[in-house]
Structures are given as C-alpha cells and as structure tokens.
Amino acid sequence: MFGYITVNQQELKIREYDMYRSYYCGLCHMLKKRYGRIGQLLLNYDMTFTAMLLSSLYEPETEEKKRRCIPHPAVAHMEKTNAAVAYAADMTVLLAYQKAADDWHDDRNPGKLALSGVIDGAYRKIRKRYPRQAICIEECVRKLSELEKNGSGDLDAVAGLTGEFMGEILCWKTDIWQNDLRETGFYLGKYVYLADAYADLDADSRHGRYNPFLAGGYASREGFEEETEEILMETMGCCCRAFERLPLVDHVEILRNILYSGVWVRFAQARKQRMQRREKEMK
C-alpha cells in the first residue's frame, strides 16, 4: 500500500500510542520470525492496522513480551503477537511480492526483480495457504496495470481495484463479519489510491507519468481541490459506516483515530504543499 493507514499521533493518549506501537513492533517481530531480515524490511503501517483490527474483532490469544531490537537497543519495548498478527505478516509479503513483480514488469527495475526473487519461495507458500487473497491481489494488480497503461481516467475503476484487494485482505475468515470487513477494506483501499494519486499529481505532471486525475482531465477543472476532497470524504464516510457495524471493543478508539483522522494526515500535507507551490507560481 502507500503508508496512509496510520495514526494521528497528536490526537492519541500516550497509553493508546504505546498500544499501537506494540502491534507495530509485534508485526516487525513476526515478519522476522517467519521471513527473516528481508521480511522486516517490508514492515508497514497499513498491515499494522489490519493486525489490530482483526485482533479486536476476533480476540485471538495474544502473547505480550518486552524485547530489545537493533533499531531500539537501549529500551525494551512491548510486542503483541497472535494469529491475526501472523496473518498480517503473511499479507505483507503477499502484497510486497505482487508490487515488486508489477514494478519489474512495468519499469524493469532491477531492485524490484531482486526483491521478488528473494521472497518468491515465501510467496508461493503463502499463496497455497491463502489462495483467495492471493488470486484476488494478482487479478487486481494485473487489471490495474492494464488500466494505467491505457491511460484510464475512470477514478472508480482504477481506485476500486485497490479497494477490492484491500477488502479481500481484511476478510481473514469467511463468516458473518466478512461483508462488513470487505466493505471497510474496499473504501479504505479506494481512498488510499486516490489520496496517493493526488499527492503525486504535480510530480506525475512534470515527468509525464500516468495519474488518473490527469488522464480524466479532473486536475484542470475549476474547483478541482474541493471536488477531490469531497470525493475522498464520501469514500471514507462509506468506509467508516461499514467499520462501525463491526462489534469492536478493544482498541476501538485507536482504530477510529486511524480512520477518522490518521488517514488524512498525509493528504493534508500534500494539499498544503500543492497550495504553496501554486502560490509561488502565481507570484
């Protein structure tokens, strides 16, 4: 993903942030345990949210342990690990492999080819364990690549593919909660794709790269900034409505912080930078 699904730290209490960090550190430990040092390099906030959400919903038996690590050698920190964290670690590798393979296919980036080669064995094992999720990600990434190559300006089509595989990732089990989890993930993934496209808009325009807001002519419309914010707000509104239907108790305020506030932090930064550049250009 793109690193948008994280907390707004300024709005969290200290104990809430410590709890969030315990899942982040737990995911880091699980990645190392299952996939070695290369796994740790794939650590991201998006799958930390997945681990925390599924832990809150399913309440698996959780191990708590204080550890020191290379990034934090001086002070031992709390790590939480459980079956949901292990699942999030597997999904981290699944996504990383598909992203690396797609980047190699599109840009012939040798670093991405090397990464996909290193985690290929792990990917194959995860694919056998979670074929539903793996096949969905593969198909969505393939379709998204085709739409981008064809210069699609259909925001719903391109963003919806990211939403589709994010929804499938959140759907850990096929049970009574699967529809609400899929809907939460769908709109969250859709938001992330569009917010990232907005953040990259000026750079993509300068370098002649694909961007759905450019391809569809949205960026040249009067009121583009307001229209984009409205689209994103509607998208996250749908996400939060589905999220609120889930019977969550543990960590719910942290999860709400992420969905109601945290996802907007990078968008707000991107919009501020874009406005500052426009003001300079007008002088």
Protein backbone atom coordinates (compact mmCIF):
# COMPACT_ATOMS: atom_id res chain seq x y z
CA MET A 1 0.00 0.00 0.00
CA PHE A 2 1.06 3.61 0.39
CA GLY A 3 1.53 4.32 4.11
CA TYR A 4 -1.64 6.36 4.64
CA ILE A 5 -3.31 3.98 7.09
CA THR A 6 -1.61 5.18 10.26
CA VAL A 7 -2.44 7.04 13.44
CA ASN A 8 -2.62 10.74 14.03
CA GLN A 9 -0.22 10.60 16.97
CA GLN A 10 -1.05 14.10 18.22
CA GLU A 11 -4.64 13.01 18.88
CA LEU A 12 -3.75 9.84 20.80
CA LYS A 13 -3.20 9.40 24.51
CA ILE A 14 0.24 8.10 25.48
CA ARG A 15 -1.11 4.69 26.52
CA GLU A 16 -3.03 4.42 23.23
CA TYR A 17 0.07 5.18 21.20
CA ASP A 18 2.05 2.64 23.23
CA MET A 19 -0.63 0.04 22.46
CA TYR A 20 -0.46 0.88 18.76
CA ARG A 21 3.33 0.60 18.81
CA SER A 22 3.09 -2.81 20.49
CA TYR A 23 1.24 -4.14 17.45
CA TYR A 24 3.67 -2.43 15.06
CA CYS A 25 6.61 -3.98 16.92
CA GLY A 26 4.79 -7.31 17.12
CA LEU A 27 4.33 -7.31 13.36
CA CYS A 28 8.01 -6.49 12.92
CA HIS A 29 8.96 -9.43 15.16
CA MET A 30 6.57 -11.76 13.32
CA LEU A 31 8.00 -10.77 9.94
CA LYS A 32 11.50 -11.52 11.18
CA LYS A 33 10.43 -14.82 12.75
CA ARG A 34 8.64 -16.04 9.62
CA TYR A 35 10.66 -14.41 6.83
CA GLY A 36 13.96 -13.22 8.26
CA ARG A 37 15.56 -9.80 7.97
CA ILE A 38 14.13 -9.26 4.49
CA GLY A 39 10.67 -9.64 6.00
CA GLN A 40 11.35 -6.85 8.48
CA LEU A 41 12.20 -4.51 5.62
CA LEU A 42 8.64 -4.91 4.37
CA LEU A 43 7.10 -3.67 7.64
CA ASN A 44 4.40 -1.02 7.12
CA TYR A 45 1.63 0.80 8.98
CA ASP A 46 -1.11 -0.45 6.66
CA MET A 47 -0.75 -4.05 7.80
CA THR A 48 -0.40 -2.89 11.42
CA PHE A 49 -3.94 -1.58 11.07
CA THR A 50 -5.01 -4.95 9.66
CA ALA A 51 -3.44 -6.81 12.59
CA MET A 52 -5.05 -4.52 15.15
CA LEU A 53 -8.49 -4.53 13.54
CA LEU A 54 -8.62 -8.33 13.25
CA SER A 55 -7.26 -8.75 16.78
CA SER A 56 -10.04 -6.53 18.09
CA LEU A 57 -12.73 -8.36 16.13
CA TYR A 58 -11.68 -11.97 16.72
CA GLU A 59 -9.83 -11.63 20.05
CA PRO A 60 -7.24 -14.37 19.42
CA GLU A 61 -4.98 -15.48 22.26
CA THR A 62 -2.25 -12.86 22.39
CA GLU A 63 1.32 -13.09 23.66
CA GLU A 64 2.89 -10.00 25.20
CA LYS A 65 6.63 -9.73 25.56
CA LYS A 66 9.16 -6.96 26.11
CA ARG A 67 12.16 -7.07 23.78
CA ARG A 68 15.12 -5.02 22.68
CA CYS A 69 15.88 -4.80 18.98
CA ILE A 70 18.52 -3.29 16.69
CA PRO A 71 16.54 -0.08 15.99
CA HIS A 72 15.80 0.33 19.73
CA PRO A 73 18.67 -1.31 21.63
CA ALA A 74 18.55 0.83 24.77
CA VAL A 75 14.99 0.30 25.96
CA ALA A 76 12.89 -2.87 25.89
CA HIS A 77 9.52 -2.32 24.25
CA MET A 78 6.26 -4.26 24.32
CA GLU A 79 5.36 -6.54 21.41
CA LYS A 80 1.96 -8.16 20.89
CA THR A 81 1.76 -11.23 18.68
CA ASN A 82 -1.13 -13.53 17.85
CA ALA A 83 -2.73 -15.32 14.91
CA ALA A 84 -4.03 -12.03 13.45
CA VAL A 85 -0.53 -10.52 13.56
CA ALA A 86 0.83 -13.64 11.83
CA TYR A 87 -1.86 -13.28 9.15
CA ALA A 88 -0.93 -9.61 8.66
CA ALA A 89 2.72 -10.65 8.24
CA ASP A 90 1.72 -13.10 5.51
CA MET A 91 -0.35 -10.44 3.76
CA THR A 92 2.60 -8.03 3.98
CA VAL A 93 4.76 -10.44 1.99
CA LEU A 94 1.93 -11.24 -0.43
CA LEU A 95 1.47 -7.57 -1.26
CA ALA A 96 5.21 -6.85 -1.41
CA TYR A 97 5.78 -9.65 -3.91
CA GLN A 98 2.98 -8.51 -6.20
CA LYS A 99 4.13 -4.88 -6.02
CA ALA A 100 7.73 -5.83 -6.79
CA ALA A 101 6.72 -8.11 -9.67
CA ASP A 102 4.47 -5.41 -11.12
CA ASP A 103 7.17 -2.73 -10.81
CA TRP A 104 9.64 -5.01 -12.60
CA HIS A 105 7.12 -5.69 -15.35
CA ASP A 106 6.32 -2.00 -15.83
CA ASP A 107 9.68 -0.29 -15.23
CA ARG A 108 12.27 -3.08 -15.43
CA ASN A 109 13.54 -2.00 -12.02
CA PRO A 110 16.35 -4.48 -11.15
CA GLY A 111 15.92 -3.89 -7.42
CA LYS A 112 12.29 -4.98 -7.62
CA LEU A 113 13.27 -8.06 -9.62
CA ALA A 114 15.79 -8.96 -6.92
CA LEU A 115 13.21 -8.49 -4.16
CA SER A 116 10.62 -10.65 -5.89
CA GLY A 117 13.27 -13.33 -6.37
CA VAL A 118 14.26 -13.28 -2.70
CA ILE A 119 10.69 -13.65 -1.41
CA ASP A 120 9.42 -15.92 -4.19
CA GLY A 121 9.59 -19.06 -2.05
CA ALA A 122 7.73 -17.40 0.81
CA TYR A 123 5.15 -16.05 -1.61
CA ARG A 124 4.41 -19.49 -3.03
CA LYS A 125 3.83 -20.91 0.46
CA ILE A 126 1.52 -18.03 1.42
CA ARG A 127 -0.36 -18.40 -1.87
CA LYS A 128 -1.13 -22.02 -1.04
CA ARG A 129 -2.25 -21.03 2.45
CA TYR A 130 -4.43 -18.12 1.30
CA PRO A 131 -5.38 -18.73 -2.36
CA ARG A 132 -8.48 -16.50 -2.20
CA GLN A 133 -6.49 -13.44 -1.15
CA ALA A 134 -3.54 -14.19 -3.45
CA ILE A 135 -5.66 -14.68 -6.56
CA CYS A 136 -7.63 -11.51 -5.87
CA ILE A 137 -4.46 -9.43 -5.45
CA GLU A 138 -2.92 -10.91 -8.60
CA GLU A 139 -6.01 -10.21 -10.70
CA CYS A 140 -6.49 -6.70 -9.34
CA VAL A 141 -2.84 -5.74 -9.84
CA ARG A 142 -2.97 -7.10 -13.41
CA LYS A 143 -6.17 -5.21 -14.25
CA LEU A 144 -4.89 -2.04 -12.62
CA SER A 145 -1.67 -2.21 -14.65
CA GLU A 146 -3.71 -2.54 -17.85
CA LEU A 147 -5.95 0.41 -16.99
CA GLU A 148 -2.95 2.59 -16.13
CA LYS A 149 -1.15 1.64 -19.36
CA ASN A 150 -4.30 2.51 -21.34
CA GLY A 151 -4.48 5.89 -19.61
CA SER A 152 -7.84 5.32 -17.93
CA GLY A 153 -9.45 8.38 -16.40
CA ASP A 154 -12.15 6.35 -14.64
CA LEU A 155 -11.49 7.04 -10.95
CA ASP A 156 -13.92 4.41 -9.71
CA ALA A 157 -12.41 1.71 -11.93
CA VAL A 158 -8.74 2.24 -11.04
CA ALA A 159 -9.24 3.05 -7.35
CA GLY A 160 -11.81 0.29 -7.00
CA LEU A 161 -9.22 -2.37 -7.83
CA THR A 162 -7.04 -1.32 -4.90
CA GLY A 163 -10.20 -1.31 -2.80
CA GLU A 164 -11.11 -4.79 -3.97
CA PHE A 165 -7.87 -6.41 -2.87
CA MET A 166 -7.74 -4.44 0.39
CA GLY A 167 -11.22 -5.70 1.16
CA GLU A 168 -10.13 -9.26 0.47
CA ILE A 169 -7.13 -8.84 2.78
CA LEU A 170 -9.30 -7.62 5.66
CA CYS A 171 -11.59 -10.60 5.12
CA TRP A 172 -9.42 -13.02 7.11
CA LYS A 173 -12.24 -15.55 7.63
CA THR A 174 -15.43 -16.34 5.74
CA ASP A 175 -18.02 -15.67 8.46
CA ILE A 176 -20.78 -13.27 9.44
CA TRP A 177 -18.34 -10.34 9.51
CA GLN A 178 -16.88 -10.85 6.04
CA ASN A 179 -19.20 -8.42 4.23
CA ASP A 180 -18.55 -5.56 6.65
CA LEU A 181 -14.81 -6.25 6.58
CA ARG A 182 -14.78 -6.31 2.77
CA GLU A 183 -16.72 -3.06 2.61
CA THR A 184 -14.42 -1.39 5.14
CA GLY A 185 -11.37 -2.51 3.18
CA PHE A 186 -12.85 -1.64 -0.19
CA TYR A 187 -13.46 2.01 0.61
CA LEU A 188 -10.24 2.30 2.59
CA GLY A 189 -8.20 0.96 -0.31
CA LYS A 190 -10.05 3.21 -2.73
CA TYR A 191 -9.31 6.24 -0.57
CA VAL A 192 -5.62 5.37 -0.34
CA TYR A 193 -5.24 5.05 -4.11
CA LEU A 194 -6.93 8.38 -4.78
CA ALA A 195 -5.14 10.22 -1.97
CA ASP A 196 -1.80 8.94 -3.23
CA ALA A 197 -2.66 9.95 -6.80
CA TYR A 198 -3.46 13.44 -5.54
CA ALA A 199 -0.16 13.64 -3.64
CA ASP A 200 1.77 12.59 -6.76
CA LEU A 201 -0.17 14.84 -9.13
CA ASP A 202 2.39 17.61 -9.67
CA ALA A 203 5.36 15.22 -9.97
CA ASP A 204 3.45 12.98 -12.39
CA SER A 205 2.53 16.01 -14.47
CA ARG A 206 6.15 17.18 -14.68
CA HIS A 207 7.50 13.75 -15.61
CA GLY A 208 4.70 12.68 -17.93
CA ARG A 209 3.63 9.75 -15.76
CA TYR A 210 0.16 8.26 -15.51
CA ASN A 211 -2.18 9.79 -12.97
CA PRO A 212 -5.96 9.25 -13.05
CA PHE A 213 -6.64 12.90 -12.20
CA LEU A 214 -4.62 13.93 -15.25
CA ALA A 215 -5.91 11.19 -17.52
CA GLY A 216 -9.53 12.06 -16.78
CA GLY A 217 -8.99 15.80 -17.04
CA TYR A 218 -10.05 16.36 -13.43
CA ALA A 219 -6.95 18.34 -12.46
CA SER A 220 -7.73 21.09 -14.96
CA ARG A 221 -11.29 21.62 -13.78
CA GLU A 222 -12.32 24.65 -11.79
CA GLY A 223 -12.87 23.62 -8.19
CA PHE A 224 -10.68 20.53 -8.52
CA GLU A 225 -9.31 20.77 -4.98
CA GLU A 226 -12.75 20.96 -3.40
CA GLU A 227 -14.13 18.22 -5.66
CA THR A 228 -11.27 15.89 -4.76
CA GLU A 229 -11.70 16.48 -1.05
CA GLU A 230 -15.44 15.81 -1.36
CA ILE A 231 -14.79 12.52 -3.18
CA LEU A 232 -12.33 11.44 -0.50
CA MET A 233 -14.67 12.43 2.33
CA GLU A 234 -17.54 10.46 0.78
CA THR A 235 -15.25 7.47 0.32
CA MET A 236 -14.07 7.48 3.92
CA GLY A 237 -17.63 8.04 5.08
CA CYS A 238 -18.63 4.75 3.44
CA CYS A 239 -15.58 3.08 4.98
CA CYS A 240 -16.39 4.29 8.49
CA ARG A 241 -20.05 3.29 8.27
CA ALA A 242 -19.03 -0.29 7.49
CA PHE A 243 -16.35 -0.19 10.20
CA GLU A 244 -18.84 0.95 12.85
CA ARG A 245 -21.03 -2.10 12.19
CA LEU A 246 -18.25 -4.37 13.45
CA PRO A 247 -18.58 -5.39 17.14
CA LEU A 248 -15.25 -3.98 18.26
CA VAL A 249 -14.34 -3.18 21.85
CA ASP A 250 -10.57 -3.47 22.29
CA HIS A 251 -8.50 -0.73 20.63
CA VAL A 252 -11.60 0.82 19.03
CA GLU A 253 -10.52 4.39 19.83
CA ILE A 254 -7.13 3.78 18.21
CA LEU A 255 -8.77 2.30 15.13
CA ARG A 256 -11.16 5.25 14.96
CA ASN A 257 -8.19 7.60 15.24
CA ILE A 258 -6.72 5.96 12.14
CA LEU A 259 -9.91 6.02 10.05
CA TYR A 260 -11.29 9.40 11.14
CA SER A 261 -8.03 11.30 11.46
CA GLY A 262 -4.83 9.41 10.67
CA VAL A 263 -5.60 8.72 7.01
CA TRP A 264 -6.00 12.46 6.44
CA VAL A 265 -2.58 13.50 7.74
CA ARG A 266 -0.60 12.83 4.55
CA PHE A 267 -3.40 14.17 2.36
CA ALA A 268 -3.43 17.41 4.34
CA GLN A 269 0.34 17.70 3.98
CA ALA A 270 0.13 17.07 0.23
CA ARG A 271 -2.61 19.65 -0.20
CA LYS A 272 -0.69 22.27 1.79
CA GLN A 273 2.45 21.68 -0.31
CA ARG A 274 0.43 21.85 -3.53
CA MET A 275 -1.17 25.14 -2.49
CA GLN A 276 2.22 26.60 -1.57
CA ARG A 277 3.63 25.64 -4.98
CA ARG A 278 0.68 27.23 -6.75
CA GLU A 279 1.11 30.44 -4.77
CA LYS A 280 4.80 30.61 -5.75
CA GLU A 281 3.95 30.04 -9.41
CA MET A 282 1.43 32.90 -9.35
CA LYS A 283 3.98 35.42 -7.99
